[in-house]
Amino acid sequence: MRVALDAMGGDFAPRSTVAGAALALRELGGIEKLYLTGDEAQLTRELAANHCNDRRIEIVHTTQVVEMSDHAVEAVRRKKDSSVNRAVDLVKKGDADAVVSAGHTGAMVASTTIKLRTLPGVERPGIASYLPTEHNVCVLIDAGANVDARPIHMLQYAIMGTVVSQYVLGFDNPQVGLMSIGGEDQKGSEFTKEIFKLLKASSLNFRGNVEGHDLFERPVEVVLCDGFVGNVVLKTCEATASAVFSWLKRELTANSKRKAGAFLAQNAFRAIRNKTNYETYGGSPLVGVDGVAIIAHGASSPLAIKNAVRVACELIEKKINPRIVEAVRQGGRSAV
């Protein structure tokens, strides 16, 4: 497997991206080539700092970086020599099988959509994020790629999310839930009611509407929403998890008795922390584009970058894109 990593993308790039690349090469099997796109001088220094001289690494020098303030589509057009554009170009040319970036999400979506196009039958790509719940890990789709989705896009998201849930996460017959403001069939906006009809008529395992609390109390395997709602839900969950652990740390270190109790329960706290930590999941697949693309968290650590590369390799191994094409062609029947 050959992976192109946008080494200049992310809040802590290129330090974290290069360290994550080195970690991936040491711990993951099956990587034949790992391209690092970015400023060659900086990347060379970071590789030396990580004592990495692996021959599988190839630096592709670029002269531009997409900043967070840049407009997504304009960045693709004006900054043709940016690290994210060159990484996507490697997939377009067939030199790489997948692209990974922790940089500007909008630029990543725009670059892959413009350069790679969408898979046959797919109208819009969507971000499939992994969200841990009490009983499983669900696929939240769309998590921010398309904030102006149409009902047909949503049906295709449900199909693609089902494919990811089944073949990557291992659920035999994933349930799909439509995010709404009530569990009853008649609840929701005109937009969600139209989507409800499409899902009801499909061959997907559609449970019906789900509310925010259902994500954790009565979880489904695929949570369907448009990119606006999905991004808000995802970031709210991330912030809530972070706040809860901050509160716990403050209260558990308030006095010696609490510190002693916290010491005895440290393994339990660590297990919960790992389950809710985005670093564990690495990155979110941008499904629907004609290539494997992984969007990592902007604040990705080396561990998160390594796991984003792992997710890319999993999607290649599981042949997710051909499965999506077939599932969309059959309206979801091949995914269940």
C-alpha atoms as a PDB file:
ATOM      1  CA  MET A   1       0.000   0.000   0.000  1.00  0.00           C
ATOM      2  CA  ARG A   2       1.190   3.478  -0.907  1.00  0.00           C
ATOM      3  CA  VAL A   3       0.047   6.464   1.160  1.00  0.00           C
ATOM      4  CA  ALA A   4       0.526  10.190   0.525  1.00  0.00           C
ATOM      5  CA  LEU A   5       0.651  12.252   3.729  1.00  0.00           C
ATOM      6  CA  ASP A   6       0.133  16.018   3.692  1.00  0.00           C
ATOM      7  CA  ALA A   7       3.059  16.668   6.011  1.00  0.00           C
ATOM      8  CA  MET A   8       2.393  20.405   6.337  1.00  0.00           C
ATOM      9  CA  GLY A   9      -1.269  20.015   7.290  1.00  0.00           C
ATOM     10  CA  GLY A  10      -2.314  20.341  10.932  1.00  0.00           C
ATOM     11  CA  ASP A  11      -1.830  22.534  13.971  1.00  0.00           C
ATOM     12  CA  PHE A  12       1.491  20.911  14.873  1.00  0.00           C
ATOM     13  CA  ALA A  13       2.835  20.139  11.417  1.00  0.00           C
ATOM     14  CA  PRO A  14       5.356  19.141  10.321  1.00  0.00           C
ATOM     15  CA  ARG A  15       6.587  17.952  13.730  1.00  0.00           C
ATOM     16  CA  SER A  16       3.602  15.733  14.520  1.00  0.00           C
ATOM     17  CA  THR A  17       2.981  14.565  10.966  1.00  0.00           C
ATOM     18  CA  VAL A  18       6.552  13.414  10.413  1.00  0.00           C
ATOM     19  CA  ALA A  19       6.709  11.767  13.851  1.00  0.00           C
ATOM     20  CA  GLY A  20       3.415  10.039  13.057  1.00  0.00           C
ATOM     21  CA  ALA A  21       4.776   8.874   9.708  1.00  0.00           C
ATOM     22  CA  ALA A  22       7.813   7.373  11.418  1.00  0.00           C
ATOM     23  CA  LEU A  23       5.536   5.676  13.941  1.00  0.00           C
ATOM     24  CA  ALA A  24       3.349   4.258  11.165  1.00  0.00           C
ATOM     25  CA  LEU A  25       6.338   2.763   9.360  1.00  0.00           C
ATOM     26  CA  ARG A  26       7.571   1.130  12.564  1.00  0.00           C
ATOM     27  CA  GLU A  27       4.228  -0.270  13.749  1.00  0.00           C
ATOM     28  CA  LEU A  28       2.029  -0.867  10.702  1.00  0.00           C
ATOM     29  CA  GLY A  29       2.519  -3.615   8.175  1.00  0.00           C
ATOM     30  CA  GLY A  30       1.885  -3.504   4.456  1.00  0.00           C
ATOM     31  CA  ILE A  31       3.146   0.016   3.727  1.00  0.00           C
ATOM     32  CA  GLU A  32       5.238  -0.084   0.556  1.00  0.00           C
ATOM     33  CA  LYS A  33       5.693   3.661   0.153  1.00  0.00           C
ATOM     34  CA  LEU A  34       4.925   6.695   2.293  1.00  0.00           C
ATOM     35  CA  TYR A  35       5.071  10.021   0.481  1.00  0.00           C
ATOM     36  CA  LEU A  36       5.558  13.166   2.553  1.00  0.00           C
ATOM     37  CA  THR A  37       4.478  16.334   0.773  1.00  0.00           C
ATOM     38  CA  GLY A  38       5.844  19.628   2.048  1.00  0.00           C
ATOM     39  CA  ASP A  39       8.944  21.750   2.458  1.00  0.00           C
ATOM     40  CA  GLU A  40      11.869  19.388   1.926  1.00  0.00           C
ATOM     41  CA  ALA A  41      14.245  21.149   4.322  1.00  0.00           C
ATOM     42  CA  GLN A  42      11.763  21.070   7.200  1.00  0.00           C
ATOM     43  CA  LEU A  43      10.760  17.477   6.549  1.00  0.00           C
ATOM     44  CA  THR A  44      14.367  16.331   6.350  1.00  0.00           C
ATOM     45  CA  ARG A  45      15.096  17.938   9.723  1.00  0.00           C
ATOM     46  CA  GLU A  46      12.065  16.298  11.323  1.00  0.00           C
ATOM     47  CA  LEU A  47      12.973  12.888   9.924  1.00  0.00           C
ATOM     48  CA  ALA A  48      16.466  13.261  11.394  1.00  0.00           C
ATOM     49  CA  ALA A  49      14.975  14.291  14.747  1.00  0.00           C
ATOM     50  CA  ASN A  50      12.929  11.066  14.697  1.00  0.00           C
ATOM     51  CA  HIS A  51      15.972   8.986  13.649  1.00  0.00           C
ATOM     52  CA  CYS A  52      14.007   7.851  10.625  1.00  0.00           C
ATOM     53  CA  ASN A  53      15.863   6.975   7.455  1.00  0.00           C
ATOM     54  CA  ASP A  54      13.372   4.412   6.188  1.00  0.00           C
ATOM     55  CA  ARG A  55      13.767   3.872   2.456  1.00  0.00           C
ATOM     56  CA  ARG A  56      10.014   3.652   2.049  1.00  0.00           C
ATOM     57  CA  ILE A  57       9.736   7.403   2.656  1.00  0.00           C
ATOM     58  CA  GLU A  58       9.847   9.753  -0.298  1.00  0.00           C
ATOM     59  CA  ILE A  59       9.679  13.519   0.130  1.00  0.00           C
ATOM     60  CA  VAL A  60       7.759  15.475  -2.495  1.00  0.00           C
ATOM     61  CA  HIS A  61       8.895  19.089  -2.166  1.00  0.00           C
ATOM     62  CA  THR A  62       6.164  21.745  -2.220  1.00  0.00           C
ATOM     63  CA  THR A  63       6.396  25.506  -1.910  1.00  0.00           C
ATOM     64  CA  GLN A  64       2.942  26.362  -0.564  1.00  0.00           C
ATOM     65  CA  VAL A  65       0.740  25.577   2.424  1.00  0.00           C
ATOM     66  CA  VAL A  66      -3.024  26.017   2.683  1.00  0.00           C
ATOM     67  CA  GLU A  67      -3.749  28.201   5.702  1.00  0.00           C
ATOM     68  CA  MET A  68      -6.896  27.830   7.788  1.00  0.00           C
ATOM     69  CA  SER A  69      -7.996  31.300   6.657  1.00  0.00           C
ATOM     70  CA  ASP A  70      -7.873  30.305   2.980  1.00  0.00           C
ATOM     71  CA  HIS A  71     -11.083  29.709   1.056  1.00  0.00           C
ATOM     72  CA  ALA A  72     -11.268  26.003   0.224  1.00  0.00           C
ATOM     73  CA  VAL A  73     -11.908  26.078  -3.522  1.00  0.00           C
ATOM     74  CA  GLU A  74      -9.692  29.119  -4.098  1.00  0.00           C
ATOM     75  CA  ALA A  75      -6.870  27.368  -2.242  1.00  0.00           C
ATOM     76  CA  VAL A  76      -7.099  24.453  -4.646  1.00  0.00           C
ATOM     77  CA  ARG A  77      -6.970  26.776  -7.653  1.00  0.00           C
ATOM     78  CA  ARG A  78      -4.430  29.341  -6.468  1.00  0.00           C
ATOM     79  CA  LYS A  79      -2.120  27.171  -4.385  1.00  0.00           C
ATOM     80  CA  LYS A  80      -1.496  24.407  -6.878  1.00  0.00           C
ATOM     81  CA  ASP A  81       1.861  23.601  -5.256  1.00  0.00           C
ATOM     82  CA  SER A  82       0.439  23.255  -1.752  1.00  0.00           C
ATOM     83  CA  SER A  83       1.190  20.139   0.280  1.00  0.00           C
ATOM     84  CA  VAL A  84      -2.440  18.972   0.261  1.00  0.00           C
ATOM     85  CA  ASN A  85      -2.836  19.464  -3.499  1.00  0.00           C
ATOM     86  CA  ARG A  86       0.366  17.582  -4.265  1.00  0.00           C
ATOM     87  CA  ALA A  87      -0.669  14.743  -1.962  1.00  0.00           C
ATOM     88  CA  VAL A  88      -3.989  14.417  -3.800  1.00  0.00           C
ATOM     89  CA  ASP A  89      -2.133  14.626  -7.134  1.00  0.00           C
ATOM     90  CA  LEU A  90      -0.159  11.531  -6.169  1.00  0.00           C
ATOM     91  CA  VAL A  91      -3.413   9.584  -5.847  1.00  0.00           C
ATOM     92  CA  LYS A  92      -4.733  11.043  -9.095  1.00  0.00           C
ATOM     93  CA  LYS A  93      -1.593   9.944 -10.973  1.00  0.00           C
ATOM     94  CA  GLY A  94      -1.746   6.476  -9.442  1.00  0.00           C
ATOM     95  CA  ASP A  95       1.486   6.837  -7.490  1.00  0.00           C
ATOM     96  CA  ALA A  96      -0.378   6.560  -4.160  1.00  0.00           C
ATOM     97  CA  ASP A  97      -3.417   4.543  -3.101  1.00  0.00           C
ATOM     98  CA  ALA A  98      -4.570   6.951  -0.402  1.00  0.00           C
ATOM     99  CA  VAL A  99      -4.147  10.495   0.857  1.00  0.00           C
ATOM    100  CA  VAL A 100      -4.125  11.606   4.511  1.00  0.00           C
ATOM    101  CA  SER A 101      -4.337  15.194   5.759  1.00  0.00           C
ATOM    102  CA  ALA A 102      -4.831  16.899   9.111  1.00  0.00           C
ATOM    103  CA  GLY A 103      -4.956  20.306   7.466  1.00  0.00           C
ATOM    104  CA  HIS A 104      -7.759  22.469   6.087  1.00  0.00           C
ATOM    105  CA  THR A 105     -10.802  20.150   5.854  1.00  0.00           C
ATOM    106  CA  GLY A 106     -12.518  22.237   3.215  1.00  0.00           C
ATOM    107  CA  ALA A 107      -9.414  22.269   1.024  1.00  0.00           C
ATOM    108  CA  MET A 108      -9.058  18.500   1.388  1.00  0.00           C
ATOM    109  CA  VAL A 109     -12.699  17.979   0.382  1.00  0.00           C
ATOM    110  CA  ALA A 110     -12.419  20.407  -2.518  1.00  0.00           C
ATOM    111  CA  SER A 111      -9.104  19.049  -3.771  1.00  0.00           C
ATOM    112  CA  THR A 112     -10.183  15.409  -3.720  1.00  0.00           C
ATOM    113  CA  THR A 113     -13.579  16.183  -5.258  1.00  0.00           C
ATOM    114  CA  ILE A 114     -12.144  18.339  -8.058  1.00  0.00           C
ATOM    115  CA  LYS A 115      -9.110  16.197  -8.835  1.00  0.00           C
ATOM    116  CA  LEU A 116     -10.345  12.666  -8.129  1.00  0.00           C
ATOM    117  CA  ARG A 117     -14.044  13.195  -8.851  1.00  0.00           C
ATOM    118  CA  THR A 118     -16.735  11.112  -7.188  1.00  0.00           C
ATOM    119  CA  LEU A 119     -17.333   7.403  -7.525  1.00  0.00           C
ATOM    120  CA  PRO A 120     -19.808   6.265 -10.200  1.00  0.00           C
ATOM    121  CA  GLY A 121     -23.343   6.945  -8.985  1.00  0.00           C
ATOM    122  CA  VAL A 122     -22.253   9.129  -6.046  1.00  0.00           C
ATOM    123  CA  GLU A 123     -23.290  12.791  -6.217  1.00  0.00           C
ATOM    124  CA  ARG A 124     -21.516  14.235  -3.168  1.00  0.00           C
ATOM    125  CA  PRO A 125     -18.761  12.908  -0.889  1.00  0.00           C
ATOM    126  CA  GLY A 126     -19.354  12.753   2.851  1.00  0.00           C
ATOM    127  CA  ILE A 127     -17.189  12.543   5.953  1.00  0.00           C
ATOM    128  CA  ALA A 128     -17.762   9.308   7.879  1.00  0.00           C
ATOM    129  CA  SER A 129     -16.574   9.886  11.450  1.00  0.00           C
ATOM    130  CA  TYR A 130     -16.294   7.165  14.062  1.00  0.00           C
ATOM    131  CA  LEU A 131     -18.178   7.996  17.244  1.00  0.00           C
ATOM    132  CA  PRO A 132     -17.778   5.753  20.326  1.00  0.00           C
ATOM    133  CA  THR A 133     -20.980   4.946  22.179  1.00  0.00           C
ATOM    134  CA  GLU A 134     -21.742   2.814  25.227  1.00  0.00           C
ATOM    135  CA  HIS A 135     -22.230  -0.393  23.228  1.00  0.00           C
ATOM    136  CA  ASN A 136     -20.428   0.110  19.913  1.00  0.00           C
ATOM    137  CA  VAL A 137     -18.690   2.514  17.554  1.00  0.00           C
ATOM    138  CA  CYS A 138     -21.122   4.181  15.197  1.00  0.00           C
ATOM    139  CA  VAL A 139     -20.529   5.924  11.886  1.00  0.00           C
ATOM    140  CA  LEU A 140     -21.655   9.548  11.915  1.00  0.00           C
ATOM    141  CA  ILE A 141     -22.200  10.738   8.346  1.00  0.00           C
ATOM    142  CA  ASP A 142     -21.962  13.467   7.098  1.00  0.00           C
ATOM    143  CA  ALA A 143     -19.636  15.156   9.593  1.00  0.00           C
ATOM    144  CA  GLY A 144     -18.991  18.314   7.607  1.00  0.00           C
ATOM    145  CA  ALA A 145     -18.322  17.798   3.903  1.00  0.00           C
ATOM    146  CA  ASN A 146     -21.716  18.973   2.599  1.00  0.00           C
ATOM    147  CA  VAL A 147     -23.754  21.497   4.591  1.00  0.00           C
ATOM    148  CA  ASP A 148     -26.326  21.962   1.816  1.00  0.00           C
ATOM    149  CA  ALA A 149     -27.257  18.348   1.179  1.00  0.00           C
ATOM    150  CA  ARG A 150     -30.281  17.223  -0.791  1.00  0.00           C
ATOM    151  CA  PRO A 151     -32.367  14.157   0.135  1.00  0.00           C
ATOM    152  CA  ILE A 152     -30.692  11.996  -2.539  1.00  0.00           C
ATOM    153  CA  HIS A 153     -27.289  12.887  -1.068  1.00  0.00           C
ATOM    154  CA  MET A 154     -28.515  11.782   2.331  1.00  0.00           C
ATOM    155  CA  LEU A 155     -29.720   8.446   1.003  1.00  0.00           C
ATOM    156  CA  GLN A 156     -26.309   7.873  -0.543  1.00  0.00           C
ATOM    157  CA  TYR A 157     -24.636   8.838   2.745  1.00  0.00           C
ATOM    158  CA  ALA A 158     -26.738   6.215   4.498  1.00  0.00           C
ATOM    159  CA  ILE A 159     -25.646   3.618   1.958  1.00  0.00           C
ATOM    160  CA  MET A 160     -21.962   4.571   2.200  1.00  0.00           C
ATOM    161  CA  GLY A 161     -22.071   4.715   5.993  1.00  0.00           C
ATOM    162  CA  THR A 162     -23.604   1.244   6.041  1.00  0.00           C
ATOM    163  CA  VAL A 163     -20.778  -0.091   3.850  1.00  0.00           C
ATOM    164  CA  VAL A 164     -18.154   1.390   6.172  1.00  0.00           C
ATOM    165  CA  SER A 165     -19.934   0.046   9.265  1.00  0.00           C
ATOM    166  CA  GLN A 166     -20.217  -3.421   7.798  1.00  0.00           C
ATOM    167  CA  TYR A 167     -16.831  -3.918   6.178  1.00  0.00           C
ATOM    168  CA  VAL A 168     -14.559  -1.751   8.366  1.00  0.00           C
ATOM    169  CA  LEU A 169     -16.219  -1.937  11.785  1.00  0.00           C
ATOM    170  CA  GLY A 170     -17.585  -5.452  11.301  1.00  0.00           C
ATOM    171  CA  PHE A 171     -21.346  -5.056  11.938  1.00  0.00           C
ATOM    172  CA  ASP A 172     -23.371  -7.670  10.045  1.00  0.00           C
ATOM    173  CA  ASN A 173     -26.540  -5.674   9.489  1.00  0.00           C
ATOM    174  CA  PRO A 174     -25.948  -2.059  10.549  1.00  0.00           C
ATOM    175  CA  GLN A 175     -28.941  -0.089  11.716  1.00  0.00           C
ATOM    176  CA  VAL A 176     -29.371   3.399  10.261  1.00  0.00           C
ATOM    177  CA  GLY A 177     -30.889   6.204  12.290  1.00  0.00           C
ATOM    178  CA  LEU A 178     -31.880   9.625  10.937  1.00  0.00           C
ATOM    179  CA  MET A 179     -30.948  12.474  13.275  1.00  0.00           C
ATOM    180  CA  SER A 180     -34.078  14.468  14.063  1.00  0.00           C
ATOM    181  CA  ILE A 181     -35.865  16.289  16.884  1.00  0.00           C
ATOM    182  CA  GLY A 182     -38.059  13.374  17.860  1.00  0.00           C
ATOM    183  CA  GLY A 183     -38.209   9.623  17.569  1.00  0.00           C
ATOM    184  CA  GLU A 184     -41.707   9.519  16.082  1.00  0.00           C
ATOM    185  CA  ASP A 185     -42.008   9.062  12.330  1.00  0.00           C
ATOM    186  CA  GLN A 186     -43.852  12.334  11.796  1.00  0.00           C
ATOM    187  CA  LYS A 187     -41.295  14.487  13.669  1.00  0.00           C
ATOM    188  CA  GLY A 188     -38.700  16.687  11.986  1.00  0.00           C
ATOM    189  CA  SER A 189     -38.414  19.301   9.260  1.00  0.00           C
ATOM    190  CA  GLU A 190     -39.751  18.922   5.730  1.00  0.00           C
ATOM    191  CA  PHE A 191     -36.169  18.067   4.746  1.00  0.00           C
ATOM    192  CA  THR A 192     -35.838  15.190   7.227  1.00  0.00           C
ATOM    193  CA  LYS A 193     -39.365  13.949   6.445  1.00  0.00           C
ATOM    194  CA  GLU A 194     -38.426  13.632   2.772  1.00  0.00           C
ATOM    195  CA  ILE A 195     -35.256  11.739   3.699  1.00  0.00           C
ATOM    196  CA  PHE A 196     -37.310   9.509   6.006  1.00  0.00           C
ATOM    197  CA  LYS A 197     -39.474   8.458   3.045  1.00  0.00           C
ATOM    198  CA  LEU A 198     -36.437   7.583   0.936  1.00  0.00           C
ATOM    199  CA  LEU A 199     -34.855   5.554   3.729  1.00  0.00           C
ATOM    200  CA  LYS A 200     -38.129   3.773   4.499  1.00  0.00           C
ATOM    201  CA  ALA A 201     -38.437   2.737   0.854  1.00  0.00           C
ATOM    202  CA  SER A 202     -34.817   1.557   0.636  1.00  0.00           C
ATOM    203  CA  SER A 203     -33.483  -1.878   1.539  1.00  0.00           C
ATOM    204  CA  LEU A 204     -31.307  -0.444   4.302  1.00  0.00           C
ATOM    205  CA  ASN A 205     -31.844  -1.515   7.900  1.00  0.00           C
ATOM    206  CA  PHE A 206     -33.554   1.761   8.789  1.00  0.00           C
ATOM    207  CA  ARG A 207     -34.632   2.101  12.416  1.00  0.00           C
ATOM    208  CA  GLY A 208     -36.248   5.517  12.030  1.00  0.00           C
ATOM    209  CA  ASN A 209     -35.563   8.866  13.619  1.00  0.00           C
ATOM    210  CA  VAL A 210     -33.043   9.167  16.429  1.00  0.00           C
ATOM    211  CA  GLU A 211     -32.399  12.047  18.813  1.00  0.00           C
ATOM    212  CA  GLY A 212     -29.194  13.293  20.341  1.00  0.00           C
ATOM    213  CA  HIS A 213     -29.532  11.170  23.466  1.00  0.00           C
ATOM    214  CA  ASP A 214     -30.043   8.057  21.333  1.00  0.00           C
ATOM    215  CA  LEU A 215     -26.388   8.290  20.265  1.00  0.00           C
ATOM    216  CA  PHE A 216     -25.489   6.892  23.671  1.00  0.00           C
ATOM    217  CA  GLU A 217     -28.677   5.431  25.158  1.00  0.00           C
ATOM    218  CA  ARG A 218     -30.091   3.530  22.154  1.00  0.00           C
ATOM    219  CA  PRO A 219     -27.229   3.618  19.673  1.00  0.00           C
ATOM    220  CA  VAL A 220     -27.491   2.656  16.042  1.00  0.00           C
ATOM    221  CA  GLU A 221     -24.530   1.710  13.874  1.00  0.00           C
ATOM    222  CA  VAL A 222     -25.005   4.540  11.346  1.00  0.00           C
ATOM    223  CA  VAL A 223     -26.191   8.030  12.337  1.00  0.00           C
ATOM    224  CA  LEU A 224     -27.338  10.063   9.340  1.00  0.00           C
ATOM    225  CA  CYS A 225     -27.379  13.857   9.224  1.00  0.00           C
ATOM    226  CA  ASP A 226     -26.329  16.680   6.940  1.00  0.00           C
ATOM    227  CA  GLY A 227     -22.821  18.138   7.239  1.00  0.00           C
ATOM    228  CA  PHE A 228     -23.922  21.147   9.284  1.00  0.00           C
ATOM    229  CA  VAL A 229     -25.665  19.096  11.968  1.00  0.00           C
ATOM    230  CA  GLY A 230     -23.036  16.349  11.882  1.00  0.00           C
ATOM    231  CA  ASN A 231     -20.137  18.717  12.424  1.00  0.00           C
ATOM    232  CA  VAL A 232     -21.908  20.381  15.348  1.00  0.00           C
ATOM    233  CA  VAL A 233     -22.732  16.999  16.918  1.00  0.00           C
ATOM    234  CA  LEU A 234     -19.180  15.695  16.498  1.00  0.00           C
ATOM    235  CA  LYS A 235     -17.463  18.761  17.918  1.00  0.00           C
ATOM    236  CA  THR A 236     -19.944  19.001  20.783  1.00  0.00           C
ATOM    237  CA  CYS A 237     -19.245  15.375  21.715  1.00  0.00           C
ATOM    238  CA  GLU A 238     -15.484  15.969  21.543  1.00  0.00           C
ATOM    239  CA  ALA A 239     -15.718  19.081  23.723  1.00  0.00           C
ATOM    240  CA  THR A 240     -18.019  17.369  26.236  1.00  0.00           C
ATOM    241  CA  ALA A 241     -15.652  14.421  26.615  1.00  0.00           C
ATOM    242  CA  SER A 242     -12.714  16.773  27.133  1.00  0.00           C
ATOM    243  CA  ALA A 243     -14.636  18.858  29.678  1.00  0.00           C
ATOM    244  CA  VAL A 244     -15.752  15.789  31.661  1.00  0.00           C
ATOM    245  CA  PHE A 245     -12.169  14.568  32.020  1.00  0.00           C
ATOM    246  CA  SER A 246     -11.047  18.042  33.080  1.00  0.00           C
ATOM    247  CA  TRP A 247     -13.761  18.122  35.729  1.00  0.00           C
ATOM    248  CA  LEU A 248     -12.815  14.649  36.933  1.00  0.00           C
ATOM    249  CA  LYS A 249      -9.155  15.563  37.174  1.00  0.00           C
ATOM    250  CA  ARG A 250      -9.927  18.672  39.206  1.00  0.00           C
ATOM    251  CA  GLU A 251     -12.287  16.902  41.595  1.00  0.00           C
ATOM    252  CA  LEU A 252     -10.178  13.745  41.989  1.00  0.00           C
ATOM    253  CA  THR A 253      -7.106  15.739  42.947  1.00  0.00           C
ATOM    254  CA  ALA A 254      -8.917  18.006  45.417  1.00  0.00           C
ATOM    255  CA  ASN A 255      -7.661  16.125  48.507  1.00  0.00           C
ATOM    256  CA  SER A 256      -5.550  13.149  49.515  1.00  0.00           C
ATOM    257  CA  LYS A 257      -8.486  10.726  49.903  1.00  0.00           C
ATOM    258  CA  ARG A 258      -9.721  11.440  46.413  1.00  0.00           C
ATOM    259  CA  LYS A 259      -6.199  11.117  45.030  1.00  0.00           C
ATOM    260  CA  ALA A 260      -5.909   7.683  46.619  1.00  0.00           C
ATOM    261  CA  GLY A 261      -9.206   6.582  45.082  1.00  0.00           C
ATOM    262  CA  ALA A 262      -8.197   7.955  41.710  1.00  0.00           C
ATOM    263  CA  PHE A 263      -4.921   6.018  41.897  1.00  0.00           C
ATOM    264  CA  LEU A 264      -6.790   2.762  42.479  1.00  0.00           C
ATOM    265  CA  ALA A 265      -9.130   3.457  39.568  1.00  0.00           C
ATOM    266  CA  GLN A 266      -6.520   4.833  37.165  1.00  0.00           C
ATOM    267  CA  ASN A 267      -6.726   1.879  34.786  1.00  0.00           C
ATOM    268  CA  ALA A 268     -10.487   2.324  34.449  1.00  0.00           C
ATOM    269  CA  PHE A 269     -10.086   6.038  33.768  1.00  0.00           C
ATOM    270  CA  ARG A 270      -7.380   5.317  31.218  1.00  0.00           C
ATOM    271  CA  ALA A 271      -9.589   2.805  29.408  1.00  0.00           C
ATOM    272  CA  ILE A 272     -12.439   5.315  29.155  1.00  0.00           C
ATOM    273  CA  ARG A 273     -10.036   8.011  28.033  1.00  0.00           C
ATOM    274  CA  ASN A 274      -8.703   5.805  25.256  1.00  0.00           C
ATOM    275  CA  LYS A 275     -12.232   4.948  24.102  1.00  0.00           C
ATOM    276  CA  THR A 276     -13.237   8.604  23.820  1.00  0.00           C
ATOM    277  CA  ASN A 277      -9.929   9.924  22.482  1.00  0.00           C
ATOM    278  CA  TYR A 278      -9.955  10.942  18.820  1.00  0.00           C
ATOM    279  CA  GLU A 279      -6.304   9.878  18.568  1.00  0.00           C
ATOM    280  CA  THR A 280      -7.402   6.254  18.898  1.00  0.00           C
ATOM    281  CA  TYR A 281      -9.566   6.496  15.776  1.00  0.00           C
ATOM    282  CA  GLY A 282      -7.012   8.464  13.757  1.00  0.00           C
ATOM    283  CA  GLY A 283      -9.072  10.021  11.017  1.00  0.00           C
ATOM    284  CA  SER A 284     -12.402  10.125   9.218  1.00  0.00           C
ATOM    285  CA  PRO A 285     -12.794   8.633   5.744  1.00  0.00           C
ATOM    286  CA  LEU A 286     -14.055  11.009   3.078  1.00  0.00           C
ATOM    287  CA  VAL A 287     -16.283   8.484   1.337  1.00  0.00           C
ATOM    288  CA  GLY A 288     -17.637   8.884  -2.153  1.00  0.00           C
ATOM    289  CA  VAL A 289     -14.509  10.239  -3.854  1.00  0.00           C
ATOM    290  CA  ASP A 290     -12.722   8.081  -6.406  1.00  0.00           C
ATOM    291  CA  GLY A 291      -9.800   7.298  -4.155  1.00  0.00           C
ATOM    292  CA  VAL A 292      -9.124   6.726  -0.466  1.00  0.00           C
ATOM    293  CA  ALA A 293      -8.974   9.993   1.478  1.00  0.00           C
ATOM    294  CA  ILE A 294      -8.643  10.366   5.246  1.00  0.00           C
ATOM    295  CA  ILE A 295      -9.292  13.615   7.113  1.00  0.00           C
ATOM    296  CA  ALA A 296      -7.459  13.723  10.431  1.00  0.00           C
ATOM    297  CA  HIS A 297      -8.091  16.050  13.380  1.00  0.00           C
ATOM    298  CA  GLY A 298      -6.365  19.420  13.081  1.00  0.00           C
ATOM    299  CA  ALA A 299      -4.701  18.938  16.461  1.00  0.00           C
ATOM    300  CA  SER A 300      -3.464  15.451  15.572  1.00  0.00           C
ATOM    301  CA  SER A 301      -0.596  14.067  17.611  1.00  0.00           C
ATOM    302  CA  PRO A 302       1.906  11.567  16.160  1.00  0.00           C
ATOM    303  CA  LEU A 303      -0.331   8.757  17.487  1.00  0.00           C
ATOM    304  CA  ALA A 304      -3.357  10.216  15.701  1.00  0.00           C
ATOM    305  CA  ILE A 305      -1.403  10.556  12.443  1.00  0.00           C
ATOM    306  CA  LYS A 306      -0.235   6.953  12.708  1.00  0.00           C
ATOM    307  CA  ASN A 307      -3.797   5.807  13.220  1.00  0.00           C
ATOM    308  CA  ALA A 308      -5.017   7.956  10.319  1.00  0.00           C
ATOM    309  CA  VAL A 309      -2.532   6.111   8.098  1.00  0.00           C
ATOM    310  CA  ARG A 310      -3.837   2.849   9.590  1.00  0.00           C
ATOM    311  CA  VAL A 311      -7.417   3.795   8.684  1.00  0.00           C
ATOM    312  CA  ALA A 312      -6.298   4.553   5.128  1.00  0.00           C
ATOM    313  CA  CYS A 313      -4.702   1.116   4.885  1.00  0.00           C
ATOM    314  CA  GLU A 314      -7.861  -0.533   6.246  1.00  0.00           C
ATOM    315  CA  LEU A 315     -10.030   1.076   3.586  1.00  0.00           C
ATOM    316  CA  ILE A 316      -7.628  -0.063   0.876  1.00  0.00           C
ATOM    317  CA  GLU A 317      -7.518  -3.606   2.252  1.00  0.00           C
ATOM    318  CA  LYS A 318     -11.305  -3.820   2.617  1.00  0.00           C
ATOM    319  CA  LYS A 319     -11.840  -2.548  -0.951  1.00  0.00           C
ATOM    320  CA  ILE A 320     -14.359  -0.028   0.342  1.00  0.00           C
ATOM    321  CA  ASN A 321     -14.740   1.973  -2.864  1.00  0.00           C
ATOM    322  CA  PRO A 322     -15.798  -0.946  -5.117  1.00  0.00           C
ATOM    323  CA  ARG A 323     -18.234  -2.003  -2.397  1.00  0.00           C
ATOM    324  CA  ILE A 324     -19.684   1.520  -2.258  1.00  0.00           C
ATOM    325  CA  VAL A 325     -20.104   1.636  -6.033  1.00  0.00           C
ATOM    326  CA  GLU A 326     -22.001  -1.652  -5.999  1.00  0.00           C
ATOM    327  CA  ALA A 327     -24.114  -0.684  -2.979  1.00  0.00           C
ATOM    328  CA  VAL A 328     -25.099   2.662  -4.501  1.00  0.00           C
ATOM    329  CA  ARG A 329     -25.898   0.941  -7.825  1.00  0.00           C
ATOM    330  CA  GLN A 330     -28.261  -1.435  -6.044  1.00  0.00           C
ATOM    331  CA  GLY A 331     -29.699   1.199  -3.728  1.00  0.00           C
ATOM    332  CA  GLY A 332     -28.078  -0.305  -0.643  1.00  0.00           C
ATOM    333  CA  ARG A 333     -28.970  -3.946  -1.158  1.00  0.00           C
ATOM    334  CA  SER A 334     -25.375  -5.164  -1.461  1.00  0.00           C
ATOM    335  CA  ALA A 335     -24.382  -3.464   1.761  1.00  0.00           C
ATOM    336  CA  VAL A 336     -26.663  -5.453   4.036  1.00  0.00           C
END
